[in-house]
Protein backbone atom coordinates (compact mmCIF):
# COMPACT_ATOMS: atom_id res chain seq x y z
CA UNK A 1 -188.06 56.38 -74.15
CA UNK A 2 -191.06 55.77 -72.17
CA UNK A 3 -192.75 54.10 -75.29
CA UNK A 4 -189.55 52.20 -75.46
CA UNK A 5 -189.58 51.15 -71.86
CA UNK A 6 -193.03 49.93 -71.73
CA UNK A 7 -192.54 46.88 -73.25
CA UNK A 8 -189.80 45.88 -71.35
CA UNK A 9 -191.60 46.50 -68.27
CA UNK A 10 -194.37 44.62 -69.05
CA UNK A 11 -192.56 41.77 -70.54
CA UNK A 12 -190.48 41.45 -67.11
CA UNK A 13 -193.76 41.79 -65.14
CA UNK A 14 -194.97 38.78 -67.20
CA UNK A 15 -192.26 36.86 -66.82
CA UNK A 16 -191.99 37.67 -62.81
CA UNK A 17 -195.50 36.41 -62.56
CA UNK A 18 -194.97 33.10 -64.41
CA UNK A 19 -191.81 32.59 -62.33
CA UNK A 20 -193.95 33.26 -59.05
CA UNK A 21 -196.38 30.73 -60.15
CA UNK A 22 -193.82 28.54 -60.94
CA UNK A 23 -192.11 28.41 -57.53
CA UNK A 24 -195.70 27.92 -55.79
CA UNK A 25 -196.12 25.30 -58.32
CA UNK A 26 -192.90 23.53 -56.99
CA UNK A 27 -193.90 23.92 -53.44
CA UNK A 28 -197.48 22.58 -53.88
CA UNK A 29 -195.85 19.59 -55.55
CA UNK A 30 -193.17 19.02 -52.60
CA UNK A 31 -196.04 19.52 -50.33
CA UNK A 32 -197.93 16.71 -51.81
CA UNK A 33 -195.07 14.09 -51.77
CA UNK A 34 -194.48 14.66 -48.40
CA UNK A 35 -198.36 14.49 -47.50
CA UNK A 36 -198.48 11.31 -49.52
CA UNK A 37 -195.45 9.41 -47.69
CA UNK A 38 -196.83 10.22 -43.85
CA UNK A 39 -199.48 9.57 -41.68
CA UNK A 40 -201.88 11.88 -43.25
CA UNK A 41 -201.80 9.82 -46.58
CA UNK A 42 -204.98 8.00 -46.31
CA UNK A 43 -206.72 11.24 -45.99
CA UNK A 44 -204.84 12.84 -48.82
CA UNK A 45 -206.07 10.00 -50.92
CA UNK A 46 -209.43 9.24 -49.68
CA UNK A 47 -210.21 13.37 -50.11
CA UNK A 48 -209.21 13.10 -54.06
CA UNK A 49 -211.29 9.90 -54.71
CA UNK A 50 -214.49 11.53 -52.88
CA UNK A 51 -217.05 12.50 -55.25
CA UNK A 52 -219.05 15.86 -55.55
CA UNK A 53 -221.66 15.16 -57.31
CA UNK A 54 -221.00 13.33 -60.55
CA UNK A 55 -217.18 13.88 -60.48
CA UNK A 56 -214.67 12.82 -57.84
CA UNK A 57 -212.54 15.89 -56.46
CA UNK A 58 -209.71 14.74 -58.55
CA UNK A 59 -211.76 15.08 -61.96
CA UNK A 60 -213.28 18.15 -60.90
CA UNK A 61 -209.20 19.42 -60.73
CA UNK A 62 -208.25 17.63 -63.82
CA UNK A 63 -211.42 18.40 -65.88
CA UNK A 64 -212.55 21.30 -64.88
CA UNK A 65 -210.19 23.56 -62.74
CA UNK A 66 -207.74 22.56 -65.30
CA UNK A 67 -210.09 24.09 -68.09
CA UNK A 68 -209.14 27.22 -66.93
CA UNK A 69 -205.56 26.49 -67.70
CA UNK A 70 -206.05 25.44 -71.26
CA UNK A 71 -208.26 28.34 -71.56
CA UNK A 72 -205.15 30.83 -70.83
CA UNK A 73 -203.12 28.49 -72.87
CA UNK A 74 -205.51 29.25 -75.85
CA UNK A 75 -205.30 33.01 -75.24
CA UNK A 76 -201.71 33.15 -75.23
CA UNK A 77 -201.37 31.22 -78.37
CA UNK A 78 -203.88 33.01 -80.17
CA UNK A 79 -202.47 36.77 -78.95
CA UNK A 80 -198.62 35.68 -79.78
CA UNK A 81 -199.71 34.38 -82.99
CA UNK A 82 -201.79 37.49 -83.97
CA UNK A 83 -199.99 40.40 -82.13
CA UNK A 84 -196.92 38.86 -80.21
CA UNK A 85 -193.64 37.26 -80.37
CA UNK A 86 -194.94 34.61 -82.75
CA UNK A 87 -196.54 37.30 -85.23
CA UNK A 88 -194.10 36.98 -88.22
CA UNK A 89 -192.50 33.80 -89.44
CA UNK A 90 -189.00 34.99 -88.71
CA UNK A 91 -190.13 35.14 -84.85
CA UNK A 92 -191.44 31.38 -85.22
CA UNK A 93 -188.65 29.77 -86.70
CA UNK A 94 -186.30 29.05 -84.10
CA UNK A 95 -188.92 28.16 -81.42
CA UNK A 96 -190.82 26.44 -83.72
CA UNK A 97 -187.70 24.41 -85.03
CA UNK A 98 -186.32 23.98 -81.25
CA UNK A 99 -190.39 23.07 -80.18
CA UNK A 100 -190.65 20.49 -82.77
CA UNK A 101 -187.08 18.72 -82.20
CA UNK A 102 -188.28 18.86 -78.43
CA UNK A 103 -191.42 16.89 -78.82
CA UNK A 104 -190.04 13.96 -81.54
CA UNK A 105 -186.85 13.25 -79.77
CA UNK A 106 -188.62 12.70 -76.12
CA UNK A 107 -191.23 10.61 -77.97
CA UNK A 108 -188.68 8.02 -79.73
CA UNK A 109 -186.34 7.57 -76.61
CA UNK A 110 -189.88 6.76 -74.79
CA UNK A 111 -191.01 4.48 -77.83
CA UNK A 112 -187.52 2.91 -78.11
CA UNK A 113 -187.41 2.12 -73.89
CA UNK A 114 -191.32 0.70 -74.38
CA UNK A 115 -190.93 -0.91 -77.99
CA UNK A 116 -191.42 -4.28 -76.57
CA UNK A 117 -194.46 -3.40 -74.28
CA UNK A 118 -197.30 -2.55 -76.49
CA UNK A 119 -199.43 -1.84 -73.49
CA UNK A 120 -197.56 1.03 -72.49
CA UNK A 121 -196.49 2.52 -76.02
CA UNK A 122 -199.86 4.86 -75.30
CA UNK A 123 -197.75 7.25 -73.36
CA UNK A 124 -195.48 8.20 -75.89
CA UNK A 125 -196.41 11.68 -75.66
CA UNK A 126 -195.75 12.37 -72.01
CA UNK A 127 -192.23 13.28 -72.25
CA UNK A 128 -192.89 15.30 -75.29
CA UNK A 129 -194.28 18.46 -73.11
CA UNK A 130 -192.49 21.68 -71.25
CA UNK A 131 -193.44 23.04 -68.07
CA UNK A 132 -193.23 26.76 -68.74
CA UNK A 133 -194.03 27.85 -65.22
CA UNK A 134 -191.35 25.80 -63.65
CA UNK A 135 -188.88 26.60 -66.21
CA UNK A 136 -189.38 30.30 -65.52
CA UNK A 137 -189.03 29.81 -61.97
CA UNK A 138 -185.70 28.28 -62.29
CA UNK A 139 -184.77 31.27 -64.79
CA UNK A 140 -186.16 33.52 -61.89
CA UNK A 141 -184.09 31.97 -59.32
CA UNK A 142 -181.06 32.61 -61.36
CA UNK A 143 -181.68 36.30 -61.88
CA UNK A 144 -179.22 38.38 -64.38
CA UNK A 145 -177.29 35.21 -65.12
CA UNK A 146 -180.02 34.37 -67.87
CA UNK A 147 -180.38 37.48 -70.86
CA UNK A 148 -183.86 38.37 -71.02
CA UNK A 149 -183.90 37.06 -75.04
CA UNK A 150 -183.45 33.70 -73.43
CA UNK A 151 -186.64 33.85 -71.47
CA UNK A 152 -188.39 35.33 -74.35
CA UNK A 153 -187.13 32.49 -76.27
CA UNK A 154 -188.33 29.81 -73.95
CA UNK A 155 -191.71 31.54 -73.65
CA UNK A 156 -192.34 31.30 -77.25
CA UNK A 157 -191.18 27.98 -77.42
CA UNK A 158 -193.32 26.83 -74.64
CA UNK A 159 -196.34 27.95 -76.15
CA UNK A 160 -195.43 26.43 -79.31
CA UNK A 161 -194.83 23.15 -77.18
CA UNK A 162 -198.59 23.84 -75.48
CA UNK A 163 -200.15 23.82 -78.93
CA UNK A 164 -198.19 20.64 -79.78
CA UNK A 165 -199.81 19.29 -76.59
CA UNK A 166 -203.33 20.52 -77.34
CA UNK A 167 -203.36 18.88 -80.64
CA UNK A 168 -202.17 15.64 -78.93
CA UNK A 169 -204.59 15.23 -76.54
CA UNK A 170 -207.22 15.79 -78.90
CA UNK A 171 -206.29 13.62 -81.64
CA UNK A 172 -204.68 10.63 -79.64
CA UNK A 173 -206.33 10.88 -76.19
CA UNK A 174 -210.18 10.79 -77.02
CA UNK A 175 -212.38 8.10 -75.69
CA UNK A 176 -215.45 6.80 -77.44
CA UNK A 177 -217.05 9.57 -78.98
CA UNK A 178 -220.96 10.59 -78.45
CA UNK A 179 -222.07 12.39 -81.76
CA UNK A 180 -225.13 13.91 -79.93
CA UNK A 181 -222.99 15.48 -77.53
CA UNK A 182 -220.00 16.41 -80.03
CA UNK A 183 -223.01 17.79 -82.31
CA UNK A 184 -224.33 20.12 -79.60
CA UNK A 185 -220.71 21.22 -78.71
CA UNK A 186 -219.99 22.05 -82.81
CA UNK A 187 -223.07 23.91 -82.88
CA UNK A 188 -222.09 26.17 -79.59
CA UNK A 189 -218.55 26.50 -80.84
CA UNK A 190 -220.27 28.19 -84.25
CA UNK A 191 -222.60 30.67 -82.31
CA UNK A 192 -219.28 31.70 -80.20
CA UNK A 193 -217.65 32.25 -83.65
CA UNK A 194 -220.35 34.06 -85.02
CA UNK A 195 -220.60 36.24 -82.18
CA UNK A 196 -217.00 37.45 -82.71
CA UNK A 197 -217.80 37.80 -86.39
CA UNK A 198 -220.71 40.10 -85.14
CA UNK A 199 -218.32 42.42 -83.20
CA UNK A 200 -219.83 41.09 -79.85
CA UNK A 201 -217.20 42.54 -77.23
CA UNK A 202 -218.66 41.59 -74.02
CA UNK A 203 -217.01 38.61 -72.19
CA UNK A 204 -220.22 37.49 -70.27
CA UNK A 205 -222.16 35.67 -73.23
CA UNK A 206 -218.66 34.06 -74.05
CA UNK A 207 -218.15 32.96 -70.86
CA UNK A 208 -221.55 31.97 -70.15
CA UNK A 209 -221.99 29.80 -73.35
CA UNK A 210 -218.06 28.66 -72.71
CA UNK A 211 -219.48 26.84 -69.89
CA UNK A 212 -222.03 25.05 -72.00
CA UNK A 213 -219.39 24.09 -74.44
CA UNK A 214 -217.32 22.39 -71.50
CA UNK A 215 -220.33 20.40 -70.58
CA UNK A 216 -220.74 19.05 -73.98
CA UNK A 217 -217.00 18.59 -74.58
CA UNK A 218 -217.07 16.79 -71.29
CA UNK A 219 -219.73 14.24 -72.40
CA UNK A 220 -218.71 14.02 -76.06
CA UNK A 221 -215.53 12.15 -75.08
CA UNK A 222 -213.26 14.36 -76.13
CA UNK A 223 -211.21 15.83 -73.16
CA UNK A 224 -213.12 18.54 -71.25
CA UNK A 225 -210.02 20.81 -71.31
CA UNK A 226 -210.11 21.11 -74.89
CA UNK A 227 -213.37 23.19 -74.27
CA UNK A 228 -210.98 26.04 -72.91
CA UNK A 229 -209.03 26.31 -75.76
CA UNK A 230 -212.06 26.40 -78.31
CA UNK A 231 -213.41 29.22 -76.37
CA UNK A 232 -210.01 31.07 -76.25
CA UNK A 233 -209.90 31.19 -80.26
CA UNK A 234 -213.43 32.77 -80.41
CA UNK A 235 -212.34 35.37 -77.58
CA UNK A 236 -212.24 38.80 -79.82
CA UNK A 237 -208.71 40.25 -79.89
CA UNK A 238 -208.22 43.84 -81.59
CA UNK A 239 -204.56 43.98 -83.00
CA UNK A 240 -202.50 46.84 -81.02
CA UNK A 241 -200.75 49.33 -83.22
CA UNK A 242 -197.78 51.04 -81.89
CA UNK A 243 -197.79 49.38 -78.67
CA UNK A 244 -197.53 45.97 -76.94
CA UNK A 245 -200.89 45.71 -75.15
CA UNK A 246 -204.41 46.87 -76.14
CA UNK A 247 -206.41 47.12 -72.49
CA UNK A 248 -209.56 47.33 -74.12
CA UNK A 249 -209.04 44.18 -76.15
CA UNK A 250 -211.80 41.30 -74.68
CA UNK A 251 -208.65 38.56 -75.12
CA UNK A 252 -206.31 40.67 -73.20
CA UNK A 253 -208.87 41.53 -70.30
CA UNK A 254 -209.84 37.91 -70.18
CA UNK A 255 -205.95 36.71 -70.36
CA UNK A 256 -205.15 39.32 -67.29
CA UNK A 257 -208.16 38.44 -65.52
CA UNK A 258 -207.16 34.74 -65.20
CA UNK A 259 -203.65 34.48 -65.52
CA UNK A 260 -203.28 35.03 -62.05
CA UNK A 261 -206.08 32.56 -61.03
CA UNK A 262 -204.12 30.10 -63.22
CA UNK A 263 -200.59 30.53 -61.86
CA UNK A 264 -201.35 30.83 -58.36
CA UNK A 265 -204.39 28.35 -57.48
CA UNK A 266 -205.22 26.15 -60.47
CA UNK A 267 -201.84 25.08 -61.01
CA UNK A 268 -200.53 24.55 -57.64
CA UNK A 269 -204.28 22.66 -56.73
CA UNK A 270 -203.21 20.35 -59.64
CA UNK A 271 -200.00 19.92 -59.00
CA UNK A 272 -200.85 19.00 -55.26
CA UNK A 273 -203.62 16.64 -56.37
CA UNK A 274 -201.51 14.95 -58.90
CA UNK A 275 -198.05 14.96 -57.78
CA UNK A 276 -198.54 12.97 -54.31
CA UNK A 277 -197.41 9.48 -55.06
CA UNK A 278 -196.44 7.09 -52.27
CA UNK A 279 -192.71 5.36 -52.24
CA UNK A 280 -194.13 2.84 -49.90
CA UNK A 281 -192.97 -0.72 -51.44
CA UNK A 282 -191.09 1.25 -53.66
CA UNK A 283 -188.52 -1.45 -55.50
CA UNK A 284 -185.23 -0.84 -58.18
CA UNK A 285 -187.54 -3.00 -60.67
CA UNK A 286 -190.14 -0.17 -60.52
CA UNK A 287 -187.91 2.54 -61.11
CA UNK A 288 -186.39 0.56 -63.98
CA UNK A 289 -190.17 -0.28 -65.62
CA UNK A 290 -190.47 0.74 -69.09
CA UNK A 291 -192.78 3.43 -68.30
CA UNK A 292 -190.64 5.23 -65.57
CA UNK A 293 -187.66 4.47 -67.51
CA UNK A 294 -188.97 6.25 -70.66
CA UNK A 295 -190.68 9.09 -69.53
CA UNK A 296 -187.69 10.10 -67.14
CA UNK A 297 -185.04 9.45 -70.10
CA UNK A 298 -187.46 11.37 -72.47
CA UNK A 299 -187.38 14.12 -70.51
CA UNK A 300 -183.97 14.03 -69.60
CA UNK A 301 -182.23 12.72 -72.54
CA UNK A 302 -185.14 13.32 -75.33
CA UNK A 303 -185.41 17.15 -74.13
CA UNK A 304 -182.07 18.18 -74.32
CA UNK A 305 -181.01 15.99 -77.73
CA UNK A 306 -184.11 17.40 -79.22
CA UNK A 307 -184.25 20.89 -78.46
CA UNK A 308 -180.65 21.73 -78.53
CA UNK A 309 -179.77 19.39 -81.31
CA UNK A 310 -182.64 21.50 -83.42
CA UNK A 311 -181.38 25.19 -82.38
CA UNK A 312 -177.85 24.17 -83.37
CA UNK A 313 -179.16 23.03 -86.60
CA UNK A 314 -181.07 26.07 -87.65
CA UNK A 315 -178.45 28.35 -86.77
CA UNK A 316 -175.55 26.23 -88.57
CA UNK A 317 -177.98 25.78 -91.61
CA UNK A 318 -178.45 29.57 -91.74
CA UNK A 319 -182.69 29.18 -91.06
CA UNK A 320 -182.13 31.15 -87.74
CA UNK A 321 -179.96 33.49 -85.44
CA UNK A 322 -179.24 32.47 -81.53
CA UNK A 323 -181.45 34.67 -79.13
CA UNK A 324 -179.43 38.20 -78.55
CA UNK A 325 -176.87 37.82 -76.12
CA UNK A 326 -177.13 34.04 -75.37
CA UNK A 327 -174.17 31.64 -75.72
CA UNK A 328 -174.28 28.11 -76.39
CA UNK A 329 -173.55 26.58 -73.09
CA UNK A 330 -176.55 29.22 -72.02
CA UNK A 331 -178.71 27.64 -74.70
CA UNK A 332 -177.94 23.89 -73.54
CA UNK A 333 -178.62 25.14 -69.78
CA UNK A 334 -182.15 26.26 -71.63
CA UNK A 335 -182.52 22.92 -73.44
CA UNK A 336 -182.18 20.86 -69.98
CA UNK A 337 -184.80 23.34 -68.71
CA UNK A 338 -187.11 22.22 -71.38
CA UNK A 339 -187.20 18.67 -69.98
CA UNK A 340 -188.99 19.92 -66.74
CA UNK A 341 -192.11 18.67 -68.15
CA UNK A 342 -194.62 18.33 -64.74
CA UNK A 343 -197.92 19.52 -65.37
CA UNK A 344 -198.51 18.76 -69.06
CA UNK A 345 -196.30 15.43 -68.72
CA UNK A 346 -198.73 14.64 -65.87
CA UNK A 347 -201.78 15.54 -67.47
CA UNK A 348 -200.97 13.61 -70.54
CA UNK A 349 -199.88 10.47 -68.45
CA UNK A 350 -203.63 10.84 -66.47
CA UNK A 351 -205.31 10.48 -69.78
CA UNK A 352 -202.85 7.89 -71.50
CA UNK A 353 -203.22 5.25 -68.56
CA UNK A 354 -206.53 6.13 -66.94
CA UNK A 355 -207.44 2.70 -66.44
CA UNK A 356 -203.94 1.65 -64.62
CA UNK A 357 -203.07 3.30 -61.14
CA UNK A 358 -200.04 1.10 -61.20
CA UNK A 359 -198.80 2.98 -64.63
CA UNK A 360 -200.00 6.15 -63.49
CA UNK A 361 -197.66 6.08 -60.27
CA UNK A 362 -195.16 4.81 -62.75
CA UNK A 363 -195.49 8.27 -64.79
CA UNK A 364 -195.43 10.19 -61.90
CA UNK A 365 -192.23 8.72 -60.56
CA UNK A 366 -190.71 8.82 -63.90
CA UNK A 367 -191.76 12.56 -64.75
CA UNK A 368 -190.52 13.90 -61.51
CA UNK A 369 -187.39 12.11 -62.04
CA UNK A 370 -186.66 13.53 -65.28
CA UNK A 371 -188.04 17.00 -64.31
CA UNK A 372 -185.83 17.06 -61.22
CA UNK A 373 -182.69 15.59 -62.94
CA UNK A 374 -183.33 18.58 -65.90
CA UNK A 375 -183.99 21.27 -63.28
CA UNK A 376 -180.85 20.59 -61.24
CA UNK A 377 -178.49 20.24 -64.21
CA UNK A 378 -180.16 23.03 -66.01
CA UNK A 379 -179.49 25.45 -63.08
CA UNK A 380 -176.21 24.19 -63.05
CA UNK A 381 -174.92 24.65 -66.34
CA UNK A 382 -176.66 28.43 -66.36
CA UNK A 383 -175.05 29.33 -63.54
CA UNK A 384 -171.60 28.03 -64.71
CA UNK A 385 -172.21 29.34 -68.18
CA UNK A 386 -168.61 31.24 -69.39
CA UNK A 387 -169.24 34.88 -68.10
CA UNK A 388 -167.84 35.82 -71.87
CA UNK A 389 -171.40 34.93 -72.42
CA UNK A 390 -172.97 37.66 -70.89
CA UNK A 391 -170.99 40.21 -72.60
CA UNK A 392 -173.27 40.36 -75.49
CA UNK A 393 -172.20 37.77 -78.11
CA UNK A 394 -173.41 37.93 -81.26
CA UNK A 395 -173.61 34.82 -83.62
CA UNK A 396 -170.50 35.16 -86.20
CA UNK A 397 -171.27 34.56 -89.78
CA UNK A 398 -171.30 30.75 -90.63
CA UNK A 399 -171.63 30.19 -86.62
C-alpha cells in the first residue's frame, strides 16, 4: 500500500506547488497592472528601462531569469518523455493530439484576423501557448470539483505545448545569426553531451558550462532562453525502477532544486515586469486592432476549439480514451483553461514585436483579455459541470 500511495502523494505535492506558483503569478500580474496605472507608473517603467551592465533590467528578466524557467521546462520534458507521464505512446496520444489542435487552431484564428496586415502576421504564434502555472492555479481553487486525472492530462498537454513553443521560438523568432558565437555554442553543447555520455554526474560542471552556453547563445542571435533547454537535455537522468522518482538522479535533483525558484521568483518577476500596461489613452479602436483582436480571439476561441475538438475527434475515432472520471463538460472547461496563455504568450509577443512598443502593448492587452476570459469561463464551466460526471464515468464503447 505505501508504494501505491507514494506516486499519488508526490503528484499532489507537485500539482500543489504548480498551483501555488500560479496564484503568486496572478497576484504579481495584477500588481503590475495596478502600478502601471497609478502615480507610480513613471518609476515602474523607468526601472525596467534602466541598464545594469550590458542589458536593461527588462532584458535581464526576459533573457536571463527566464533561462532558468526554460531550463526547468527542458528538464520536465526530458523526464516526462523518458520516465514519466509521456513515456509510452498510448500516454502521449491524447495530450499530444490535444496540444497540436491547441496550437494550430489559435494560429489560424490569428492569421485570419491579421490576413490583411502583413506587418502583424509575425505574431501568429502568440496565442498558441498554454500557461500551466495559471491553469493549475485555477484548478487548485476548484479543489475536488476536478479529478486528479484531469490535472495529469492538463500537465502532460502543457508540457507538449511548451515543447512546441520552444521549437517555434528557435525556428521563427531568431535574429541575424553570428556564426562564430553559434559555433562556440555548438562546441560547448558537444562538451556537455560528452560529459553525459562519460557518466559525469556532478551538477557543478554542467551549470558552469551552462552559463557559458547561455552567453554564447545570447550573442549568437538565437534567443538566450534556448540555452536553458539545451542544457536540460544534457543533464543525466537515471531511469527509475518500480518508483516514481529517483532522488539520486542529477536531473531530479536539479529539477527539484530550481522548481520553487521558478514558480515563486522567476515567473512572478517576469509577470510583474511584463504585464504592466497603461490604459491611459486607450480607445475602442485599440481593442479592435488586428493584434489585440487576433491574440484575444486566438486564445479564447482558437484554444477551446482546437483542444476540445481534437479530444472529441481522438476519442470518437478510437485513438484514445478520456481521462478517468472526467466527463465531456469537464474536458470542455479544461479546454477553456488552455486558453490562459499568459507567460509564454507574452514572451513570444515580446520576440515577435521587439521593435514596436505599440504592437507590444496591443499584444499584452490581447493576452490579458483572452486569458482572463478563458480563466473565468473555464472555472465557471468546471464549477457547474454536472455532478454525475464526478461519479467516475467511463467512456462507453463507441463514445
